[in-house]
């Protein structure tokens, strides 16, 4: 997935907030590139994160976890379950961005706690620990969520953190931080989002955003490559389409 994004190709995912490996498996069968396992807002436990990561890999998808918080402890817990990356919430400044890198990467890039028996390390079954450390440092994806007014003020310094792969603009929390809770289309918020995406693109970095089917064209046009929608959005769209057809058929 990192190679795809750095090559300029879009990667389409789905956010899942409920514990269900079967749902992840279905999404992989439908053709999505990746799945966001949302521990911040969902009901996922560490056990379900591990099982859903297994399902994602079996389905040919990349599993990214959003930890409960941006703390090193919460980041470590999901990484040790074997996800391929983390989407770190509420990264407000360069210090917090660098702290996220430190929590994800092993020495010399960071200080993530190293254990041999985790799923992430393949239970110490293949190769040396040194080999695992090199592979994890190279392959693990880091997305930093830009979703606070303070983050906009420090965006340029956050963008200078090389080890961060994706700078994800979170419209919901950003709208709340700017005094327009739940309304990312408010002129002030919409302008801030567009400016943020433009600055990320100008810096030669990768941006991310959520997008519904109706929004995805606009998001792609703005250079966004790390894109996801939500399971409830997919179900709602499908349900509306189903009942529209059913009502037309019933009326015949």
C-alpha atoms as a PDB file:
ATOM      1  CA  UNK A   1       0.000   0.000   0.000  1.00  0.00           C
ATOM      2  CA  UNK A   2       2.881   2.379   0.764  1.00  0.00           C
ATOM      3  CA  UNK A   3       4.363   1.684  -2.661  1.00  0.00           C
ATOM      4  CA  UNK A   4       1.009   2.353  -4.309  1.00  0.00           C
ATOM      5  CA  UNK A   5       0.521   5.657  -2.515  1.00  0.00           C
ATOM      6  CA  UNK A   6       4.075   6.867  -3.113  1.00  0.00           C
ATOM      7  CA  UNK A   7       3.640   6.012  -6.800  1.00  0.00           C
ATOM      8  CA  UNK A   8       0.741   8.486  -6.885  1.00  0.00           C
ATOM      9  CA  UNK A   9      -2.031   5.900  -7.108  1.00  0.00           C
ATOM     10  CA  UNK A  10      -5.187   6.164  -4.979  1.00  0.00           C
ATOM     11  CA  UNK A  11      -5.965   3.547  -2.347  1.00  0.00           C
ATOM     12  CA  UNK A  12      -9.616   3.084  -1.403  1.00  0.00           C
ATOM     13  CA  UNK A  13     -10.610   1.823   2.024  1.00  0.00           C
ATOM     14  CA  UNK A  14     -13.509   1.402   4.418  1.00  0.00           C
ATOM     15  CA  UNK A  15     -13.686   2.362   8.076  1.00  0.00           C
ATOM     16  CA  UNK A  16     -15.052  -0.406  10.298  1.00  0.00           C
ATOM     17  CA  UNK A  17     -16.090   0.365  13.886  1.00  0.00           C
ATOM     18  CA  UNK A  18     -17.685  -2.960  14.841  1.00  0.00           C
ATOM     19  CA  UNK A  19     -15.806  -6.205  15.554  1.00  0.00           C
ATOM     20  CA  UNK A  20     -16.345  -8.457  12.524  1.00  0.00           C
ATOM     21  CA  UNK A  21     -13.644 -10.361  10.619  1.00  0.00           C
ATOM     22  CA  UNK A  22     -16.391 -11.508   8.254  1.00  0.00           C
ATOM     23  CA  UNK A  23     -17.225  -7.934   7.317  1.00  0.00           C
ATOM     24  CA  UNK A  24     -13.554  -7.251   6.577  1.00  0.00           C
ATOM     25  CA  UNK A  25     -13.445 -10.377   4.436  1.00  0.00           C
ATOM     26  CA  UNK A  26     -16.486  -9.161   2.465  1.00  0.00           C
ATOM     27  CA  UNK A  27     -14.936  -5.752   1.866  1.00  0.00           C
ATOM     28  CA  UNK A  28     -11.815  -7.423   0.508  1.00  0.00           C
ATOM     29  CA  UNK A  29     -13.940  -9.544  -1.829  1.00  0.00           C
ATOM     30  CA  UNK A  30     -15.631  -6.350  -3.084  1.00  0.00           C
ATOM     31  CA  UNK A  31     -12.239  -4.965  -4.121  1.00  0.00           C
ATOM     32  CA  UNK A  32     -11.248  -2.409  -1.485  1.00  0.00           C
ATOM     33  CA  UNK A  33      -7.525  -1.843  -1.012  1.00  0.00           C
ATOM     34  CA  UNK A  34      -7.522  -1.387   2.731  1.00  0.00           C
ATOM     35  CA  UNK A  35      -9.572  -1.290   5.893  1.00  0.00           C
ATOM     36  CA  UNK A  36      -9.415   1.151   8.794  1.00  0.00           C
ATOM     37  CA  UNK A  37      -9.960  -0.637  12.109  1.00  0.00           C
ATOM     38  CA  UNK A  38     -11.320   2.194  14.227  1.00  0.00           C
ATOM     39  CA  UNK A  39     -10.530   1.774  17.922  1.00  0.00           C
ATOM     40  CA  UNK A  40     -10.981   5.475  18.671  1.00  0.00           C
ATOM     41  CA  UNK A  41     -14.714   5.594  17.943  1.00  0.00           C
ATOM     42  CA  UNK A  42     -15.655   1.926  17.581  1.00  0.00           C
ATOM     43  CA  UNK A  43     -16.185  -1.065  19.838  1.00  0.00           C
ATOM     44  CA  UNK A  44     -13.135  -2.996  18.685  1.00  0.00           C
ATOM     45  CA  UNK A  45     -11.038  -4.799  21.275  1.00  0.00           C
ATOM     46  CA  UNK A  46      -7.402  -5.770  20.798  1.00  0.00           C
ATOM     47  CA  UNK A  47      -8.507  -9.335  20.154  1.00  0.00           C
ATOM     48  CA  UNK A  48     -10.923  -8.251  17.416  1.00  0.00           C
ATOM     49  CA  UNK A  49      -8.250  -6.015  15.865  1.00  0.00           C
ATOM     50  CA  UNK A  50      -5.967  -9.035  15.594  1.00  0.00           C
ATOM     51  CA  UNK A  51      -8.660 -11.246  14.041  1.00  0.00           C
ATOM     52  CA  UNK A  52      -9.730  -8.508  11.627  1.00  0.00           C
ATOM     53  CA  UNK A  53      -6.106  -7.935  10.596  1.00  0.00           C
ATOM     54  CA  UNK A  54      -5.873 -11.650   9.821  1.00  0.00           C
ATOM     55  CA  UNK A  55      -9.053 -11.426   7.744  1.00  0.00           C
ATOM     56  CA  UNK A  56      -7.708  -8.422   5.856  1.00  0.00           C
ATOM     57  CA  UNK A  57      -4.481 -10.195   4.967  1.00  0.00           C
ATOM     58  CA  UNK A  58      -6.368 -13.310   3.852  1.00  0.00           C
ATOM     59  CA  UNK A  59      -8.534 -11.107   1.621  1.00  0.00           C
ATOM     60  CA  UNK A  60      -5.531  -9.293   0.128  1.00  0.00           C
ATOM     61  CA  UNK A  61      -6.183  -6.004   1.938  1.00  0.00           C
ATOM     62  CA  UNK A  62      -4.008  -3.755   4.064  1.00  0.00           C
ATOM     63  CA  UNK A  63      -5.157  -3.343   7.668  1.00  0.00           C
ATOM     64  CA  UNK A  64      -4.621   0.085   9.211  1.00  0.00           C
ATOM     65  CA  UNK A  65      -5.696   0.733  12.805  1.00  0.00           C
ATOM     66  CA  UNK A  66      -6.768   3.985  14.374  1.00  0.00           C
ATOM     67  CA  UNK A  67      -5.698   3.664  18.013  1.00  0.00           C
ATOM     68  CA  UNK A  68      -7.788   4.894  20.917  1.00  0.00           C
ATOM     69  CA  UNK A  69      -5.495   7.926  21.229  1.00  0.00           C
ATOM     70  CA  UNK A  70      -2.160   9.219  19.990  1.00  0.00           C
ATOM     71  CA  UNK A  71      -0.371   7.827  23.050  1.00  0.00           C
ATOM     72  CA  UNK A  72       2.596   5.504  22.522  1.00  0.00           C
ATOM     73  CA  UNK A  73       0.896   2.803  24.612  1.00  0.00           C
ATOM     74  CA  UNK A  74      -2.237   2.740  22.457  1.00  0.00           C
ATOM     75  CA  UNK A  75      -0.188   2.800  19.240  1.00  0.00           C
ATOM     76  CA  UNK A  76       1.946  -0.126  20.432  1.00  0.00           C
ATOM     77  CA  UNK A  77      -1.088  -2.231  21.341  1.00  0.00           C
ATOM     78  CA  UNK A  78      -2.575  -2.175  17.835  1.00  0.00           C
ATOM     79  CA  UNK A  79       0.772  -2.554  16.077  1.00  0.00           C
ATOM     80  CA  UNK A  80       1.594  -5.684  18.048  1.00  0.00           C
ATOM     81  CA  UNK A  81      -1.665  -7.202  16.795  1.00  0.00           C
ATOM     82  CA  UNK A  82      -0.095  -7.193  13.326  1.00  0.00           C
ATOM     83  CA  UNK A  83      -1.712  -4.274  11.508  1.00  0.00           C
ATOM     84  CA  UNK A  84       0.306  -2.776   8.678  1.00  0.00           C
ATOM     85  CA  UNK A  85       0.050   0.793   9.905  1.00  0.00           C
ATOM     86  CA  UNK A  86      -1.664   3.310  12.141  1.00  0.00           C
ATOM     87  CA  UNK A  87      -3.788   6.388  11.568  1.00  0.00           C
ATOM     88  CA  UNK A  88      -2.896   8.497  14.587  1.00  0.00           C
ATOM     89  CA  UNK A  89      -5.636  10.859  15.833  1.00  0.00           C
ATOM     90  CA  UNK A  90      -5.185  14.478  16.887  1.00  0.00           C
ATOM     91  CA  UNK A  91      -1.633  15.244  15.790  1.00  0.00           C
ATOM     92  CA  UNK A  92      -1.468  18.952  16.598  1.00  0.00           C
ATOM     93  CA  UNK A  93       2.184  19.940  16.155  1.00  0.00           C
ATOM     94  CA  UNK A  94       5.601  18.690  15.103  1.00  0.00           C
ATOM     95  CA  UNK A  95       6.395  17.362  18.586  1.00  0.00           C
ATOM     96  CA  UNK A  96       3.292  15.162  18.556  1.00  0.00           C
ATOM     97  CA  UNK A  97       4.028  14.080  14.987  1.00  0.00           C
ATOM     98  CA  UNK A  98       7.556  13.089  15.950  1.00  0.00           C
ATOM     99  CA  UNK A  99       6.228  11.297  19.038  1.00  0.00           C
ATOM    100  CA  UNK A 100       3.941   9.243  16.791  1.00  0.00           C
ATOM    101  CA  UNK A 101       6.913   8.272  14.641  1.00  0.00           C
ATOM    102  CA  UNK A 102       8.838   7.327  17.761  1.00  0.00           C
ATOM    103  CA  UNK A 103       5.968   5.108  18.904  1.00  0.00           C
ATOM    104  CA  UNK A 104       5.711   3.312  15.546  1.00  0.00           C
ATOM    105  CA  UNK A 105       9.354   2.864  14.596  1.00  0.00           C
ATOM    106  CA  UNK A 106      12.073   0.831  16.246  1.00  0.00           C
ATOM    107  CA  UNK A 107      15.609   2.100  16.879  1.00  0.00           C
ATOM    108  CA  UNK A 108      17.228   4.063  15.283  1.00  0.00           C
ATOM    109  CA  UNK A 109      14.077   5.799  13.987  1.00  0.00           C
ATOM    110  CA  UNK A 110      12.079   5.453  17.197  1.00  0.00           C
ATOM    111  CA  UNK A 111      11.728   3.689  20.502  1.00  0.00           C
ATOM    112  CA  UNK A 112       8.845   1.252  19.990  1.00  0.00           C
ATOM    113  CA  UNK A 113       9.007  -1.583  22.505  1.00  0.00           C
ATOM    114  CA  UNK A 114      10.358  -4.735  20.857  1.00  0.00           C
ATOM    115  CA  UNK A 115       8.937  -8.182  21.602  1.00  0.00           C
ATOM    116  CA  UNK A 116       9.585 -11.438  19.769  1.00  0.00           C
ATOM    117  CA  UNK A 117       6.354 -13.280  20.487  1.00  0.00           C
ATOM    118  CA  UNK A 118       3.849 -10.898  18.910  1.00  0.00           C
ATOM    119  CA  UNK A 119       1.868 -11.470  15.761  1.00  0.00           C
ATOM    120  CA  UNK A 120       3.620  -8.452  14.249  1.00  0.00           C
ATOM    121  CA  UNK A 121       6.951 -10.277  14.630  1.00  0.00           C
ATOM    122  CA  UNK A 122       5.448 -13.510  13.258  1.00  0.00           C
ATOM    123  CA  UNK A 123       5.787 -15.048  16.704  1.00  0.00           C
ATOM    124  CA  UNK A 124       9.575 -15.112  16.306  1.00  0.00           C
ATOM    125  CA  UNK A 125       9.147 -17.913  13.763  1.00  0.00           C
ATOM    126  CA  UNK A 126      10.915 -16.458  10.713  1.00  0.00           C
ATOM    127  CA  UNK A 127      14.290 -14.769  10.377  1.00  0.00           C
ATOM    128  CA  UNK A 128      16.086 -12.787  13.019  1.00  0.00           C
ATOM    129  CA  UNK A 129      14.709 -10.010  15.173  1.00  0.00           C
ATOM    130  CA  UNK A 130      17.075  -7.645  13.397  1.00  0.00           C
ATOM    131  CA  UNK A 131      15.489  -8.627  10.070  1.00  0.00           C
ATOM    132  CA  UNK A 132      12.035  -7.994  11.514  1.00  0.00           C
ATOM    133  CA  UNK A 133      13.048  -4.561  12.845  1.00  0.00           C
ATOM    134  CA  UNK A 134      14.389  -3.483   9.457  1.00  0.00           C
ATOM    135  CA  UNK A 135      11.259  -4.693   7.660  1.00  0.00           C
ATOM    136  CA  UNK A 136       8.881  -3.090  10.177  1.00  0.00           C
ATOM    137  CA  UNK A 137      10.674   0.251  10.027  1.00  0.00           C
ATOM    138  CA  UNK A 138      10.517   0.230   6.230  1.00  0.00           C
ATOM    139  CA  UNK A 139       7.005  -1.099   5.715  1.00  0.00           C
ATOM    140  CA  UNK A 140       4.789   0.198   8.540  1.00  0.00           C
ATOM    141  CA  UNK A 141       2.578   3.068   7.370  1.00  0.00           C
ATOM    142  CA  UNK A 142       1.995   6.176   9.476  1.00  0.00           C
ATOM    143  CA  UNK A 143      -0.937   8.507   8.827  1.00  0.00           C
ATOM    144  CA  UNK A 144      -1.153  11.632  10.975  1.00  0.00           C
ATOM    145  CA  UNK A 145      -4.627  13.075  11.445  1.00  0.00           C
ATOM    146  CA  UNK A 146      -4.826  16.833  10.939  1.00  0.00           C
ATOM    147  CA  UNK A 147      -8.115  17.601  12.667  1.00  0.00           C
ATOM    148  CA  UNK A 148      -7.553  20.524  15.032  1.00  0.00           C
ATOM    149  CA  UNK A 149      -7.210  24.254  14.470  1.00  0.00           C
ATOM    150  CA  UNK A 150      -3.836  24.075  16.209  1.00  0.00           C
ATOM    151  CA  UNK A 151      -2.636  21.533  13.636  1.00  0.00           C
ATOM    152  CA  UNK A 152      -3.420  23.959  10.802  1.00  0.00           C
ATOM    153  CA  UNK A 153      -1.253  26.553  12.495  1.00  0.00           C
ATOM    154  CA  UNK A 154       1.648  24.072  12.701  1.00  0.00           C
ATOM    155  CA  UNK A 155       1.042  22.227   9.427  1.00  0.00           C
ATOM    156  CA  UNK A 156       4.249  23.296   7.693  1.00  0.00           C
ATOM    157  CA  UNK A 157       6.422  21.934  10.505  1.00  0.00           C
ATOM    158  CA  UNK A 158       4.371  18.726  10.692  1.00  0.00           C
ATOM    159  CA  UNK A 159       4.888  18.234   6.943  1.00  0.00           C
ATOM    160  CA  UNK A 160       8.644  18.218   7.492  1.00  0.00           C
ATOM    161  CA  UNK A 161       8.503  14.940   9.448  1.00  0.00           C
ATOM    162  CA  UNK A 162       9.828  12.572   6.781  1.00  0.00           C
ATOM    163  CA  UNK A 163       8.701   9.279   8.328  1.00  0.00           C
ATOM    164  CA  UNK A 164       5.003  10.194   8.145  1.00  0.00           C
ATOM    165  CA  UNK A 165       3.486   8.729   4.986  1.00  0.00           C
ATOM    166  CA  UNK A 166       0.007  10.315   4.945  1.00  0.00           C
ATOM    167  CA  UNK A 167      -1.416  13.563   6.294  1.00  0.00           C
ATOM    168  CA  UNK A 168      -5.078  12.851   6.847  1.00  0.00           C
ATOM    169  CA  UNK A 169      -7.513  15.765   7.081  1.00  0.00           C
ATOM    170  CA  UNK A 170     -10.350  14.905   9.472  1.00  0.00           C
ATOM    171  CA  UNK A 171     -13.305  17.137   8.528  1.00  0.00           C
ATOM    172  CA  UNK A 172     -15.584  16.241  11.450  1.00  0.00           C
ATOM    173  CA  UNK A 173     -13.270  17.122  14.325  1.00  0.00           C
ATOM    174  CA  UNK A 174     -11.783  19.997  12.362  1.00  0.00           C
ATOM    175  CA  UNK A 175     -15.233  21.516  11.912  1.00  0.00           C
ATOM    176  CA  UNK A 176     -15.805  21.234  15.653  1.00  0.00           C
ATOM    177  CA  UNK A 177     -12.401  22.722  16.445  1.00  0.00           C
ATOM    178  CA  UNK A 178     -13.254  25.702  14.233  1.00  0.00           C
ATOM    179  CA  UNK A 179     -16.635  26.312  15.863  1.00  0.00           C
ATOM    180  CA  UNK A 180     -18.851  24.611  13.272  1.00  0.00           C
ATOM    181  CA  UNK A 181     -19.436  21.141  14.749  1.00  0.00           C
ATOM    182  CA  UNK A 182     -20.607  18.647  12.150  1.00  0.00           C
ATOM    183  CA  UNK A 183     -20.534  21.174   9.303  1.00  0.00           C
ATOM    184  CA  UNK A 184     -17.334  20.809   7.265  1.00  0.00           C
ATOM    185  CA  UNK A 185     -19.090  22.687   4.443  1.00  0.00           C
ATOM    186  CA  UNK A 186     -19.172  25.894   6.500  1.00  0.00           C
ATOM    187  CA  UNK A 187     -17.193  28.405   4.382  1.00  0.00           C
ATOM    188  CA  UNK A 188     -14.436  28.868   6.973  1.00  0.00           C
ATOM    189  CA  UNK A 189     -13.961  25.125   7.412  1.00  0.00           C
ATOM    190  CA  UNK A 190     -14.217  24.265   3.710  1.00  0.00           C
ATOM    191  CA  UNK A 191     -11.623  26.934   2.923  1.00  0.00           C
ATOM    192  CA  UNK A 192      -9.309  25.600   5.628  1.00  0.00           C
ATOM    193  CA  UNK A 193      -9.622  22.052   4.294  1.00  0.00           C
ATOM    194  CA  UNK A 194      -8.845  23.137   0.728  1.00  0.00           C
ATOM    195  CA  UNK A 195      -5.881  25.188   1.927  1.00  0.00           C
ATOM    196  CA  UNK A 196      -4.608  22.259   3.983  1.00  0.00           C
ATOM    197  CA  UNK A 197      -4.827  19.849   1.044  1.00  0.00           C
ATOM    198  CA  UNK A 198      -3.078  22.355  -1.226  1.00  0.00           C
ATOM    199  CA  UNK A 199      -0.225  22.805   1.261  1.00  0.00           C
ATOM    200  CA  UNK A 200       0.214  19.054   1.627  1.00  0.00           C
ATOM    201  CA  UNK A 201       0.323  18.671  -2.144  1.00  0.00           C
ATOM    202  CA  UNK A 202       2.736  21.594  -2.574  1.00  0.00           C
ATOM    203  CA  UNK A 203       5.093  19.965  -0.075  1.00  0.00           C
ATOM    204  CA  UNK A 204       5.117  16.808  -2.186  1.00  0.00           C
ATOM    205  CA  UNK A 205       3.407  14.773   0.535  1.00  0.00           C
ATOM    206  CA  UNK A 206       0.404  12.425   0.453  1.00  0.00           C
ATOM    207  CA  UNK A 207      -2.972  13.626   1.700  1.00  0.00           C
ATOM    208  CA  UNK A 208      -5.921  11.625   2.967  1.00  0.00           C
ATOM    209  CA  UNK A 209      -9.626  12.286   3.540  1.00  0.00           C
ATOM    210  CA  UNK A 210     -12.883  10.396   3.931  1.00  0.00           C
ATOM    211  CA  UNK A 211     -15.233  10.552   0.949  1.00  0.00           C
ATOM    212  CA  UNK A 212     -18.636   9.213   0.026  1.00  0.00           C
ATOM    213  CA  UNK A 213     -19.322   8.022  -3.502  1.00  0.00           C
ATOM    214  CA  UNK A 214     -20.694  11.487  -4.296  1.00  0.00           C
ATOM    215  CA  UNK A 215     -17.584  13.207  -2.942  1.00  0.00           C
ATOM    216  CA  UNK A 216     -14.828  10.934  -4.214  1.00  0.00           C
ATOM    217  CA  UNK A 217     -14.412  12.669  -7.585  1.00  0.00           C
ATOM    218  CA  UNK A 218     -13.885  16.043  -5.934  1.00  0.00           C
ATOM    219  CA  UNK A 219     -11.461  14.580  -3.409  1.00  0.00           C
ATOM    220  CA  UNK A 220      -9.405  12.883  -6.124  1.00  0.00           C
ATOM    221  CA  UNK A 221      -9.305  16.143  -8.101  1.00  0.00           C
ATOM    222  CA  UNK A 222      -7.716  17.812  -5.077  1.00  0.00           C
ATOM    223  CA  UNK A 223      -4.880  15.306  -5.111  1.00  0.00           C
ATOM    224  CA  UNK A 224      -6.066  13.088  -2.261  1.00  0.00           C
ATOM    225  CA  UNK A 225      -4.876   9.490  -2.586  1.00  0.00           C
ATOM    226  CA  UNK A 226      -5.593   7.876   0.800  1.00  0.00           C
ATOM    227  CA  UNK A 227      -9.387   7.684   0.807  1.00  0.00           C
ATOM    228  CA  UNK A 228     -11.977   5.803   2.785  1.00  0.00           C
ATOM    229  CA  UNK A 229     -15.695   5.672   3.309  1.00  0.00           C
ATOM    230  CA  UNK A 230     -17.651   4.197   6.233  1.00  0.00           C
ATOM    231  CA  UNK A 231     -19.602   0.951   6.457  1.00  0.00           C
ATOM    232  CA  UNK A 232     -22.827   2.782   7.454  1.00  0.00           C
ATOM    233  CA  UNK A 233     -22.457   5.020   4.386  1.00  0.00           C
ATOM    234  CA  UNK A 234     -22.165   1.984   2.109  1.00  0.00           C
ATOM    235  CA  UNK A 235     -25.148   0.298   3.739  1.00  0.00           C
ATOM    236  CA  UNK A 236     -27.243   3.470   3.607  1.00  0.00           C
ATOM    237  CA  UNK A 237     -26.562   4.005  -0.090  1.00  0.00           C
ATOM    238  CA  UNK A 238     -27.296   0.385  -0.890  1.00  0.00           C
ATOM    239  CA  UNK A 239     -30.483   0.407   1.218  1.00  0.00           C
ATOM    240  CA  UNK A 240     -31.764   3.569  -0.473  1.00  0.00           C
ATOM    241  CA  UNK A 241     -31.087   2.096  -3.904  1.00  0.00           C
ATOM    242  CA  UNK A 242     -32.798  -1.166  -2.963  1.00  0.00           C
ATOM    243  CA  UNK A 243     -35.960   0.478  -1.676  1.00  0.00           C
ATOM    244  CA  UNK A 244     -36.147   2.881  -4.623  1.00  0.00           C
ATOM    245  CA  UNK A 245     -36.168  -0.101  -6.964  1.00  0.00           C
ATOM    246  CA  UNK A 246     -38.574  -2.041  -4.726  1.00  0.00           C
ATOM    247  CA  UNK A 247     -41.030   0.867  -4.586  1.00  0.00           C
ATOM    248  CA  UNK A 248     -40.944   1.276  -8.366  1.00  0.00           C
ATOM    249  CA  UNK A 249     -41.581  -2.429  -8.845  1.00  0.00           C
ATOM    250  CA  UNK A 250     -44.430  -2.445  -6.321  1.00  0.00           C
ATOM    251  CA  UNK A 251     -46.066   0.489  -8.078  1.00  0.00           C
ATOM    252  CA  UNK A 252     -46.290  -1.393 -11.386  1.00  0.00           C
END
